[in-house]
Amino acid sequence: MKQLFKTTGNDVLDFSRHFNGNNEPPLFRKQCIDLRNKLFIHVDEPGLLVLSNNLKKNVILHHFVEDKKQNSFVMNKNPSLDLYQKVYAVTSSDLSVDSLHTFKPFNESNILKARINAYRLQNEFDLLVILTLIWGDKSTFEWAFNNIEKGSDCAVSSQSIKDEKTFREGFVCAIDKIQPEHLCLYGIIYDWVKEYYDLERIVKMQTRTQLIHQKQVLLEEKLKK
C-alpha cells in the first residue's frame, strides 16, 4: 500500500514538499492510457455515468467548464475517490478559469497548484491521469510545461478563449516541449492547430450538452421497451 503524504492546507504554498527541487514544478509521469471510444464525463455530472455500462473501461472524468469540487482539492482535501476509482481515468484539475485576466502571481500560483493536484492523483491515489495544461503569458511557460515526461497524454480546453494569441503561443510551446502522444481537446479545434499537431491524434471530448442529449435518447429508448 502506498504511504499517503500528511498534507495540510499550507501545502498549496509549500509545494516543495511534493518533489525534489524548489524551482521547478512536480514531475508528471507518462502513463499508458487507452483513449479509444471513451466517454468524457464532467466530475460534477455523476448522473451522466448511466451512459456507460462499464465505467472502469469507458469513462474518463474531467474538470473542464465549472467544477465545484476542485478548489477543495487544492486545499488538500482528498478527492471523491469512491467516484474516481470507479472510472478508467481522470484529467487533472483545470484552474484556468480562476486565472483569467488576473494578477500574474495568482496565475502562476494556480498553475503550480494544478500541477500539485496532478502529482497527487498519480502518486498518492495511483490513478491514470491525463494532465490538463493551463498557462498564461510566455513567462508562465516554464512552470506550465516543464517536468512533464515526453509523450504524456494531455488535455486542453479551447472553450471561451478570449486571447487566442496567448492560447496559440502556449499551445505551440506545449506541443514542442511535451510532444504528447494524444491530446484530449474540449471545445473547438482552431484551423492553425494542424500546423503543429497531427489532428488524427486529437481526441475530441464530448460537451455537456451532447452527453445530456445522449442520456435523454437512452431514457427514451428504455421507456419504449
C-alpha atoms as a PDB file:
ATOM      1  CA  MET A   1       0.000   0.000   0.000  1.00  0.00           C
ATOM      2  CA  LYS A   2       1.278   3.450  -0.871  1.00  0.00           C
ATOM      3  CA  GLN A   3       2.016   5.743   2.040  1.00  0.00           C
ATOM      4  CA  LEU A   4      -0.013   8.933   1.726  1.00  0.00           C
ATOM      5  CA  PHE A   5       1.508  12.319   2.394  1.00  0.00           C
ATOM      6  CA  LYS A   6       0.370  14.054   5.541  1.00  0.00           C
ATOM      7  CA  THR A   7      -0.819  17.218   3.852  1.00  0.00           C
ATOM      8  CA  THR A   8      -2.152  20.499   5.158  1.00  0.00           C
ATOM      9  CA  GLY A   9      -3.798  23.498   3.548  1.00  0.00           C
ATOM     10  CA  ASN A  10      -0.453  25.269   3.545  1.00  0.00           C
ATOM     11  CA  ASP A  11       0.948  22.717   1.092  1.00  0.00           C
ATOM     12  CA  VAL A  12      -0.529  24.699  -1.771  1.00  0.00           C
ATOM     13  CA  LEU A  13       2.121  27.266  -0.906  1.00  0.00           C
ATOM     14  CA  ASP A  14       4.846  24.982   0.423  1.00  0.00           C
ATOM     15  CA  PHE A  15       4.728  22.905  -2.744  1.00  0.00           C
ATOM     16  CA  SER A  16       8.377  21.878  -2.368  1.00  0.00           C
ATOM     17  CA  ARG A  17       7.133  19.150  -0.003  1.00  0.00           C
ATOM     18  CA  HIS A  18       5.820  17.281  -3.018  1.00  0.00           C
ATOM     19  CA  PHE A  19       9.018  16.949  -5.052  1.00  0.00           C
ATOM     20  CA  ASN A  20      12.779  17.439  -5.021  1.00  0.00           C
ATOM     21  CA  GLY A  21      13.715  20.939  -6.046  1.00  0.00           C
ATOM     22  CA  ASN A  22      12.377  24.354  -5.147  1.00  0.00           C
ATOM     23  CA  ASN A  23      12.399  25.985  -8.577  1.00  0.00           C
ATOM     24  CA  GLU A  24      10.527  23.558 -10.761  1.00  0.00           C
ATOM     25  CA  PRO A  25       7.045  22.053 -10.889  1.00  0.00           C
ATOM     26  CA  PRO A  26       6.456  18.487  -9.668  1.00  0.00           C
ATOM     27  CA  LEU A  27       7.119  15.697 -12.144  1.00  0.00           C
ATOM     28  CA  PHE A  28       4.263  14.381 -14.248  1.00  0.00           C
ATOM     29  CA  ARG A  29       4.878  10.790 -15.358  1.00  0.00           C
ATOM     30  CA  LYS A  30       3.866   9.330 -18.699  1.00  0.00           C
ATOM     31  CA  GLN A  31       1.295   6.567 -18.290  1.00  0.00           C
ATOM     32  CA  CYS A  32      -0.098   4.071 -20.772  1.00  0.00           C
ATOM     33  CA  ILE A  33      -3.669   5.267 -21.386  1.00  0.00           C
ATOM     34  CA  ASP A  34      -6.078   3.826 -23.943  1.00  0.00           C
ATOM     35  CA  LEU A  35      -8.178   6.734 -25.236  1.00  0.00           C
ATOM     36  CA  ARG A  36     -10.254   4.804 -27.772  1.00  0.00           C
ATOM     37  CA  ASN A  37     -14.040   5.138 -27.507  1.00  0.00           C
ATOM     38  CA  LYS A  38     -14.062   6.943 -24.188  1.00  0.00           C
ATOM     39  CA  LEU A  39     -16.822   8.998 -22.613  1.00  0.00           C
ATOM     40  CA  PHE A  40     -15.514  12.198 -21.016  1.00  0.00           C
ATOM     41  CA  ILE A  41     -17.951  12.995 -18.224  1.00  0.00           C
ATOM     42  CA  HIS A  42     -17.735  16.113 -16.092  1.00  0.00           C
ATOM     43  CA  VAL A  43     -16.938  15.338 -12.478  1.00  0.00           C
ATOM     44  CA  ASP A  44     -19.941  17.403 -11.324  1.00  0.00           C
ATOM     45  CA  GLU A  45     -22.348  15.386 -13.511  1.00  0.00           C
ATOM     46  CA  PRO A  46     -22.358  11.879 -11.960  1.00  0.00           C
ATOM     47  CA  GLY A  47     -25.867  11.338 -13.310  1.00  0.00           C
ATOM     48  CA  LEU A  48     -24.364  11.007 -16.791  1.00  0.00           C
ATOM     49  CA  LEU A  49     -22.491   7.861 -15.749  1.00  0.00           C
ATOM     50  CA  VAL A  50     -25.579   5.906 -16.804  1.00  0.00           C
ATOM     51  CA  LEU A  51     -24.332   6.353 -20.383  1.00  0.00           C
ATOM     52  CA  SER A  52     -21.788   3.588 -19.796  1.00  0.00           C
ATOM     53  CA  ASN A  53     -22.340   0.013 -18.690  1.00  0.00           C
ATOM     54  CA  ASN A  54     -18.621  -0.378 -17.986  1.00  0.00           C
ATOM     55  CA  LEU A  55     -17.288   2.669 -16.112  1.00  0.00           C
ATOM     56  CA  LYS A  56     -13.878   1.135 -15.474  1.00  0.00           C
ATOM     57  CA  LYS A  57     -13.311   0.641 -19.185  1.00  0.00           C
ATOM     58  CA  ASN A  58     -15.134   3.501 -20.895  1.00  0.00           C
ATOM     59  CA  VAL A  59     -15.332   6.605 -18.678  1.00  0.00           C
ATOM     60  CA  ILE A  60     -12.862   9.414 -18.052  1.00  0.00           C
ATOM     61  CA  LEU A  61     -13.803  12.121 -15.546  1.00  0.00           C
ATOM     62  CA  HIS A  62     -12.775  15.649 -16.446  1.00  0.00           C
ATOM     63  CA  HIS A  63     -12.676  19.040 -14.740  1.00  0.00           C
ATOM     64  CA  PHE A  64     -13.467  21.433 -17.572  1.00  0.00           C
ATOM     65  CA  VAL A  65     -16.247  24.031 -17.503  1.00  0.00           C
ATOM     66  CA  GLU A  66     -17.135  24.627 -13.828  1.00  0.00           C
ATOM     67  CA  ASP A  67     -16.009  22.276 -11.116  1.00  0.00           C
ATOM     68  CA  LYS A  68     -17.293  22.951  -7.621  1.00  0.00           C
ATOM     69  CA  LYS A  69     -15.004  20.342  -6.096  1.00  0.00           C
ATOM     70  CA  GLN A  70     -11.539  21.093  -7.447  1.00  0.00           C
ATOM     71  CA  ASN A  71     -10.860  24.088  -5.227  1.00  0.00           C
ATOM     72  CA  SER A  72     -11.401  21.955  -2.127  1.00  0.00           C
ATOM     73  CA  PHE A  73      -8.890  19.506  -3.615  1.00  0.00           C
ATOM     74  CA  VAL A  74      -6.453  22.400  -3.971  1.00  0.00           C
ATOM     75  CA  MET A  75      -6.706  22.797  -0.204  1.00  0.00           C
ATOM     76  CA  ASN A  76      -5.616  19.158   0.066  1.00  0.00           C
ATOM     77  CA  LYS A  77      -8.959  17.673   0.937  1.00  0.00           C
ATOM     78  CA  ASN A  78      -8.992  14.271  -0.710  1.00  0.00           C
ATOM     79  CA  PRO A  79     -10.936  13.985  -3.969  1.00  0.00           C
ATOM     80  CA  SER A  80     -14.054  11.858  -4.356  1.00  0.00           C
ATOM     81  CA  LEU A  81     -12.119   8.602  -4.512  1.00  0.00           C
ATOM     82  CA  ASP A  82     -15.267   6.499  -4.409  1.00  0.00           C
ATOM     83  CA  LEU A  83     -16.142   8.084  -7.754  1.00  0.00           C
ATOM     84  CA  TYR A  84     -12.607   8.380  -9.146  1.00  0.00           C
ATOM     85  CA  GLN A  85     -11.839   4.715  -8.563  1.00  0.00           C
ATOM     86  CA  LYS A  86     -14.967   3.583 -10.413  1.00  0.00           C
ATOM     87  CA  VAL A  87     -13.770   5.030 -13.731  1.00  0.00           C
ATOM     88  CA  TYR A  88     -10.932   4.363 -16.133  1.00  0.00           C
ATOM     89  CA  ALA A  89      -9.021   7.640 -15.783  1.00  0.00           C
ATOM     90  CA  VAL A  90      -9.285  11.296 -14.752  1.00  0.00           C
ATOM     91  CA  THR A  91      -7.993  14.584 -16.037  1.00  0.00           C
ATOM     92  CA  SER A  92      -6.101  16.740 -13.551  1.00  0.00           C
ATOM     93  CA  SER A  93      -7.677  19.935 -12.230  1.00  0.00           C
ATOM     94  CA  ASP A  94      -8.230  22.886 -14.524  1.00  0.00           C
ATOM     95  CA  LEU A  95      -7.818  26.126 -12.591  1.00  0.00           C
ATOM     96  CA  SER A  96      -7.564  28.375 -15.645  1.00  0.00           C
ATOM     97  CA  VAL A  97     -10.992  29.892 -15.077  1.00  0.00           C
ATOM     98  CA  ASP A  98      -9.678  31.231 -11.778  1.00  0.00           C
ATOM     99  CA  SER A  99      -6.639  32.737 -13.500  1.00  0.00           C
ATOM    100  CA  LEU A 100      -8.302  34.555 -16.391  1.00  0.00           C
ATOM    101  CA  HIS A 101      -7.122  38.160 -16.636  1.00  0.00           C
ATOM    102  CA  THR A 102      -5.799  38.264 -13.122  1.00  0.00           C
ATOM    103  CA  PHE A 103      -2.514  39.190 -11.439  1.00  0.00           C
ATOM    104  CA  LYS A 104       0.484  37.273 -12.767  1.00  0.00           C
ATOM    105  CA  PRO A 105       1.485  35.778  -9.349  1.00  0.00           C
ATOM    106  CA  PHE A 106      -2.049  34.429  -8.942  1.00  0.00           C
ATOM    107  CA  ASN A 107      -1.883  32.880 -12.396  1.00  0.00           C
ATOM    108  CA  GLU A 108       1.450  31.197 -11.642  1.00  0.00           C
ATOM    109  CA  SER A 109       0.151  30.008  -8.291  1.00  0.00           C
ATOM    110  CA  ASN A 110      -2.835  28.326  -9.950  1.00  0.00           C
ATOM    111  CA  ILE A 111      -0.580  26.612 -12.478  1.00  0.00           C
ATOM    112  CA  LEU A 112       1.562  25.209  -9.664  1.00  0.00           C
ATOM    113  CA  LYS A 113      -1.452  24.172  -7.588  1.00  0.00           C
ATOM    114  CA  ALA A 114      -2.902  22.353 -10.598  1.00  0.00           C
ATOM    115  CA  ARG A 115       0.411  20.534 -11.109  1.00  0.00           C
ATOM    116  CA  ILE A 116       0.442  19.505  -7.443  1.00  0.00           C
ATOM    117  CA  ASN A 117      -3.055  18.104  -7.929  1.00  0.00           C
ATOM    118  CA  ALA A 118      -1.845  16.081 -10.918  1.00  0.00           C
ATOM    119  CA  TYR A 119       1.128  14.823  -8.919  1.00  0.00           C
ATOM    120  CA  ARG A 120      -1.100  13.737  -6.047  1.00  0.00           C
ATOM    121  CA  LEU A 121      -3.576  11.961  -8.310  1.00  0.00           C
ATOM    122  CA  GLN A 122      -0.759   9.925  -9.838  1.00  0.00           C
ATOM    123  CA  ASN A 123       1.399   9.257  -6.808  1.00  0.00           C
ATOM    124  CA  GLU A 124      -0.892   9.288  -3.783  1.00  0.00           C
ATOM    125  CA  PHE A 125      -4.014   7.821  -5.302  1.00  0.00           C
ATOM    126  CA  ASP A 126      -2.450   5.672  -8.024  1.00  0.00           C
ATOM    127  CA  LEU A 127      -4.853   6.810 -10.765  1.00  0.00           C
ATOM    128  CA  LEU A 128      -4.462   7.033 -14.517  1.00  0.00           C
ATOM    129  CA  VAL A 129      -4.200  10.772 -15.109  1.00  0.00           C
ATOM    130  CA  ILE A 130      -4.390  12.944 -18.202  1.00  0.00           C
ATOM    131  CA  LEU A 131      -2.587  16.208 -17.487  1.00  0.00           C
ATOM    132  CA  THR A 132      -4.702  19.308 -18.036  1.00  0.00           C
ATOM    133  CA  LEU A 133      -2.477  22.024 -19.473  1.00  0.00           C
ATOM    134  CA  ILE A 134      -3.070  25.595 -18.311  1.00  0.00           C
ATOM    135  CA  TRP A 135      -0.866  28.615 -18.880  1.00  0.00           C
ATOM    136  CA  GLY A 136      -0.767  32.382 -19.050  1.00  0.00           C
ATOM    137  CA  ASP A 137       1.675  34.539 -20.996  1.00  0.00           C
ATOM    138  CA  LYS A 138       5.160  33.358 -22.011  1.00  0.00           C
ATOM    139  CA  SER A 139       6.552  33.994 -18.545  1.00  0.00           C
ATOM    140  CA  THR A 140       4.425  31.111 -17.211  1.00  0.00           C
ATOM    141  CA  PHE A 141       5.528  28.508 -19.774  1.00  0.00           C
ATOM    142  CA  GLU A 142       8.413  27.231 -17.635  1.00  0.00           C
ATOM    143  CA  TRP A 143       6.009  26.319 -14.836  1.00  0.00           C
ATOM    144  CA  ALA A 144       3.271  25.098 -17.157  1.00  0.00           C
ATOM    145  CA  PHE A 145       5.303  22.800 -19.426  1.00  0.00           C
ATOM    146  CA  ASN A 146       8.464  21.738 -17.576  1.00  0.00           C
ATOM    147  CA  ASN A 147       8.952  18.415 -15.759  1.00  0.00           C
ATOM    148  CA  ILE A 148       6.412  16.605 -17.915  1.00  0.00           C
ATOM    149  CA  GLU A 149       7.640  13.354 -19.426  1.00  0.00           C
ATOM    150  CA  LYS A 150       7.616  13.487 -23.203  1.00  0.00           C
ATOM    151  CA  GLY A 151       4.770  11.614 -24.800  1.00  0.00           C
ATOM    152  CA  SER A 152       2.397  12.148 -21.864  1.00  0.00           C
ATOM    153  CA  ASP A 153      -1.276  12.329 -22.803  1.00  0.00           C
ATOM    154  CA  CYS A 154      -2.569  15.829 -22.115  1.00  0.00           C
ATOM    155  CA  ALA A 155      -5.868  17.688 -22.150  1.00  0.00           C
ATOM    156  CA  VAL A 156      -6.633  21.273 -23.053  1.00  0.00           C
ATOM    157  CA  SER A 157      -9.749  23.409 -23.352  1.00  0.00           C
ATOM    158  CA  SER A 158     -10.242  25.992 -26.083  1.00  0.00           C
ATOM    159  CA  GLN A 159     -13.675  26.928 -24.756  1.00  0.00           C
ATOM    160  CA  SER A 160     -14.315  30.623 -24.079  1.00  0.00           C
ATOM    161  CA  ILE A 161     -10.806  31.661 -25.159  1.00  0.00           C
ATOM    162  CA  LYS A 162     -10.655  35.458 -25.220  1.00  0.00           C
ATOM    163  CA  ASP A 163      -6.974  35.809 -26.071  1.00  0.00           C
ATOM    164  CA  GLU A 164      -6.294  33.476 -28.991  1.00  0.00           C
ATOM    165  CA  LYS A 165      -2.714  34.782 -29.410  1.00  0.00           C
ATOM    166  CA  THR A 166      -1.728  33.710 -25.883  1.00  0.00           C
ATOM    167  CA  PHE A 167      -3.566  30.418 -26.314  1.00  0.00           C
ATOM    168  CA  ARG A 168      -1.722  29.721 -29.569  1.00  0.00           C
ATOM    169  CA  GLU A 169       1.706  30.620 -28.136  1.00  0.00           C
ATOM    170  CA  GLY A 170       1.192  28.290 -25.203  1.00  0.00           C
ATOM    171  CA  PHE A 171      -0.227  25.511 -27.368  1.00  0.00           C
ATOM    172  CA  VAL A 172       2.764  25.609 -29.710  1.00  0.00           C
ATOM    173  CA  CYS A 173       5.235  25.613 -26.805  1.00  0.00           C
ATOM    174  CA  ALA A 174       3.434  22.699 -25.114  1.00  0.00           C
ATOM    175  CA  ILE A 175       3.452  20.576 -28.274  1.00  0.00           C
ATOM    176  CA  ASP A 176       7.141  21.293 -28.844  1.00  0.00           C
ATOM    177  CA  LYS A 177       8.242  20.500 -25.281  1.00  0.00           C
ATOM    178  CA  ILE A 178       5.896  17.663 -24.321  1.00  0.00           C
ATOM    179  CA  GLN A 179       5.194  16.033 -27.691  1.00  0.00           C
ATOM    180  CA  PRO A 180       2.015  14.449 -26.289  1.00  0.00           C
ATOM    181  CA  GLU A 181       1.060  11.052 -27.634  1.00  0.00           C
ATOM    182  CA  HIS A 182      -2.559  12.204 -27.671  1.00  0.00           C
ATOM    183  CA  LEU A 183      -4.280  15.473 -26.945  1.00  0.00           C
ATOM    184  CA  CYS A 184      -7.775  15.465 -25.443  1.00  0.00           C
ATOM    185  CA  LEU A 185      -9.477  18.669 -26.515  1.00  0.00           C
ATOM    186  CA  TYR A 186     -12.594  20.307 -25.100  1.00  0.00           C
ATOM    187  CA  GLY A 187     -14.039  22.993 -27.365  1.00  0.00           C
ATOM    188  CA  ILE A 188     -13.192  23.944 -30.930  1.00  0.00           C
ATOM    189  CA  ILE A 189     -10.144  22.917 -32.936  1.00  0.00           C
ATOM    190  CA  TYR A 190      -8.650  26.057 -34.447  1.00  0.00           C
ATOM    191  CA  ASP A 191      -7.577  25.861 -38.090  1.00  0.00           C
ATOM    192  CA  TRP A 192      -3.938  26.545 -37.205  1.00  0.00           C
ATOM    193  CA  VAL A 193      -3.702  23.515 -34.885  1.00  0.00           C
ATOM    194  CA  LYS A 194      -2.939  21.218 -37.846  1.00  0.00           C
ATOM    195  CA  GLU A 195       0.300  23.161 -38.440  1.00  0.00           C
ATOM    196  CA  TYR A 196       1.697  21.930 -35.124  1.00  0.00           C
ATOM    197  CA  TYR A 197      -0.079  18.687 -34.264  1.00  0.00           C
ATOM    198  CA  ASP A 198      -1.467  15.648 -36.047  1.00  0.00           C
ATOM    199  CA  LEU A 199      -5.244  16.048 -35.990  1.00  0.00           C
ATOM    200  CA  GLU A 200      -5.690  12.279 -36.011  1.00  0.00           C
ATOM    201  CA  ARG A 201      -4.135  12.162 -32.543  1.00  0.00           C
ATOM    202  CA  ILE A 202      -6.638  14.637 -31.105  1.00  0.00           C
ATOM    203  CA  VAL A 203      -9.374  13.055 -29.011  1.00  0.00           C
ATOM    204  CA  LYS A 204     -12.436  15.304 -29.078  1.00  0.00           C
ATOM    205  CA  MET A 205     -14.127  15.400 -25.677  1.00  0.00           C
ATOM    206  CA  GLN A 206     -17.916  15.368 -25.615  1.00  0.00           C
ATOM    207  CA  THR A 207     -19.624  18.524 -24.420  1.00  0.00           C
ATOM    208  CA  ARG A 208     -22.089  18.530 -21.538  1.00  0.00           C
ATOM    209  CA  THR A 209     -24.899  19.302 -23.999  1.00  0.00           C
ATOM    210  CA  GLN A 210     -24.012  16.318 -26.175  1.00  0.00           C
ATOM    211  CA  LEU A 211     -23.939  13.969 -23.187  1.00  0.00           C
ATOM    212  CA  ILE A 212     -27.254  15.212 -21.814  1.00  0.00           C
ATOM    213  CA  HIS A 213     -28.793  14.615 -25.247  1.00  0.00           C
ATOM    214  CA  GLN A 214     -27.353  11.083 -25.287  1.00  0.00           C
ATOM    215  CA  LYS A 215     -28.831  10.465 -21.835  1.00  0.00           C
ATOM    216  CA  GLN A 216     -32.249  11.654 -22.976  1.00  0.00           C
ATOM    217  CA  VAL A 217     -32.127   9.355 -26.007  1.00  0.00           C
ATOM    218  CA  LEU A 218     -31.124   6.447 -23.762  1.00  0.00           C
ATOM    219  CA  LEU A 219     -34.017   7.103 -21.372  1.00  0.00           C
ATOM    220  CA  GLU A 220     -36.494   7.317 -24.254  1.00  0.00           C
ATOM    221  CA  GLU A 221     -35.246   4.012 -25.635  1.00  0.00           C
ATOM    222  CA  LYS A 222     -35.699   2.353 -22.239  1.00  0.00           C
ATOM    223  CA  LEU A 223     -39.269   3.650 -21.979  1.00  0.00           C
ATOM    224  CA  LYS A 224     -40.113   2.124 -25.341  1.00  0.00           C
ATOM    225  CA  LYS A 225     -39.079  -1.355 -24.188  1.00  0.00           C
END
